[in-house]
Amino acid sequence: MHFIETVKFTDFINHLDFHNPLHRWLTFLKSDDKSLLEEVISMDKNIAEAEERLSALNLSKELREAYDARERELHDEVTRMRGAKEEGKKEIIEAMRKNGFTDEDIKKITGVDPRELH
């Protein structure tokens, strides 16, 4: 955890180094310059995510609920896709075993150790 006196940041605002993540974050937190903000948001995915979440907080109640619902939907889709991928692996390994492949052959061909799948 870092404690930063952001008031002192204005002393070196003309000497920014956007290769320094701290400078990018301080710019994001303190600057009113839209072009600087756009630059740090485009450079840093964490800052872009923070900006998106801050924007969502400024939405009306109805829009915020829609935003939250969409976030949950995206999360659920990722979870479903992971589950489907695991099921697909199991089906392929099962089919390979039925066709006489050994666990060692399956691992060599697929890169998946069939003993690790439950």
Protein backbone atom coordinates (compact mmCIF):
# COMPACT_ATOMS: atom_id res chain seq x y z
CA MET A 1 0.00 0.00 0.00
CA HIS A 2 1.29 3.44 -0.90
CA PHE A 3 0.32 6.76 0.58
CA ILE A 4 0.70 9.64 -1.82
CA GLU A 5 0.23 13.30 -1.13
CA THR A 6 -1.47 14.12 -4.40
CA VAL A 7 -1.20 17.84 -3.66
CA LYS A 8 2.55 17.53 -4.16
CA PHE A 9 1.98 15.82 -7.50
CA THR A 10 1.14 19.17 -9.09
CA ASP A 11 4.76 20.22 -8.44
CA PHE A 12 6.09 17.77 -11.03
CA ILE A 13 3.12 17.51 -13.39
CA ASN A 14 5.25 19.00 -16.16
CA HIS A 15 7.83 16.20 -15.77
CA LEU A 16 5.57 13.21 -16.26
CA ASP A 17 6.99 9.88 -17.29
CA PHE A 18 4.16 7.71 -18.58
CA HIS A 19 6.47 4.68 -18.49
CA ASN A 20 6.07 5.00 -14.71
CA PRO A 21 2.74 3.43 -13.59
CA LEU A 22 2.60 5.75 -10.58
CA HIS A 23 2.71 8.79 -12.87
CA ARG A 24 -0.09 7.32 -15.00
CA TRP A 25 -2.28 6.70 -11.95
CA LEU A 26 -1.62 10.14 -10.51
CA THR A 27 -2.49 11.69 -13.85
CA PHE A 28 -5.71 9.68 -13.93
CA LEU A 29 -6.60 10.75 -10.39
CA LYS A 30 -5.60 14.40 -10.55
CA SER A 31 -5.59 15.69 -14.11
CA ASP A 32 -8.43 17.57 -15.77
CA ASP A 33 -6.66 17.47 -19.14
CA LYS A 34 -8.82 15.19 -21.32
CA SER A 35 -6.01 14.39 -23.76
CA LEU A 36 -3.70 13.30 -20.91
CA LEU A 37 -6.49 11.21 -19.43
CA GLU A 38 -7.20 9.54 -22.76
CA GLU A 39 -3.49 8.82 -23.17
CA VAL A 40 -3.09 7.11 -19.77
CA ILE A 41 -6.36 5.20 -20.23
CA SER A 42 -5.17 3.88 -23.59
CA MET A 43 -1.76 2.94 -22.15
CA ASP A 44 -2.88 1.06 -19.05
CA LYS A 45 -5.60 -1.60 -19.00
CA ASN A 46 -6.00 -1.26 -15.22
CA ILE A 47 -6.65 2.46 -15.53
CA ALA A 48 -9.07 1.80 -18.39
CA GLU A 49 -10.96 -0.66 -16.19
CA ALA A 50 -11.02 1.85 -13.31
CA GLU A 51 -12.37 4.52 -15.68
CA GLU A 52 -15.09 2.16 -16.90
CA ARG A 53 -16.14 1.33 -13.34
CA LEU A 54 -16.12 4.98 -12.30
CA SER A 55 -18.28 5.83 -15.29
CA ALA A 56 -20.69 3.07 -14.30
CA LEU A 57 -21.02 4.58 -10.83
CA ASN A 58 -22.17 7.84 -12.40
CA LEU A 59 -25.01 6.15 -14.27
CA SER A 60 -28.63 6.43 -13.24
CA LYS A 61 -29.97 3.62 -11.06
CA GLU A 62 -31.62 1.91 -14.04
CA LEU A 63 -28.52 2.13 -16.23
CA ARG A 64 -26.27 0.96 -13.37
CA GLU A 65 -28.53 -2.06 -12.84
CA ALA A 66 -28.35 -2.83 -16.57
CA TYR A 67 -24.54 -2.45 -16.45
CA ASP A 68 -24.31 -4.79 -13.45
CA ALA A 69 -26.59 -7.33 -15.14
CA ARG A 70 -24.39 -7.27 -18.24
CA GLU A 71 -21.26 -7.74 -16.12
CA ARG A 72 -22.86 -10.78 -14.43
CA GLU A 73 -23.92 -12.14 -17.83
CA LEU A 74 -20.37 -11.84 -19.17
CA HIS A 75 -18.96 -13.52 -16.08
CA ASP A 76 -21.48 -16.35 -16.37
CA GLU A 77 -20.62 -16.82 -20.06
CA VAL A 78 -16.92 -17.17 -19.25
CA THR A 79 -17.77 -19.73 -16.58
CA ARG A 80 -19.97 -21.69 -19.02
CA MET A 81 -17.24 -21.63 -21.67
CA ARG A 82 -14.65 -22.95 -19.22
CA GLY A 83 -17.01 -25.76 -18.23
CA ALA A 84 -17.71 -26.61 -21.87
CA LYS A 85 -14.00 -26.67 -22.64
CA GLU A 86 -13.36 -29.12 -19.81
CA GLU A 87 -16.26 -31.31 -20.96
CA GLY A 88 -14.88 -31.23 -24.51
CA LYS A 89 -11.48 -32.38 -23.27
CA LYS A 90 -13.07 -35.25 -21.38
CA GLU A 91 -15.07 -36.34 -24.44
CA ILE A 92 -12.02 -36.25 -26.71
CA ILE A 93 -9.94 -38.25 -24.23
CA GLU A 94 -12.75 -40.77 -23.80
CA ALA A 95 -12.99 -41.20 -27.57
CA MET A 96 -9.23 -41.58 -27.89
CA ARG A 97 -9.20 -44.25 -25.17
CA LYS A 98 -12.01 -46.13 -26.97
CA ASN A 99 -9.83 -46.07 -30.08
CA GLY A 100 -6.89 -47.65 -28.30
CA PHE A 101 -4.79 -44.63 -27.36
CA THR A 102 -2.86 -44.92 -24.13
CA ASP A 103 -2.79 -42.11 -21.57
CA GLU A 104 0.81 -41.46 -22.60
CA ASP A 105 -0.22 -41.16 -26.29
CA ILE A 106 -3.12 -38.86 -25.38
CA LYS A 107 -0.80 -36.62 -23.37
CA LYS A 108 1.73 -36.53 -26.21
CA ILE A 109 -0.89 -35.64 -28.83
CA THR A 110 -3.12 -33.26 -26.86
CA GLY A 111 -0.78 -31.92 -24.21
CA VAL A 112 -3.41 -32.88 -21.62
CA ASP A 113 -2.68 -35.47 -18.97
CA PRO A 114 -5.91 -37.51 -18.90
CA ARG A 115 -5.25 -38.53 -15.29
CA GLU A 116 -5.59 -34.86 -14.25
CA LEU A 117 -9.17 -34.58 -15.57
CA HIS A 118 -11.90 -35.64 -13.19
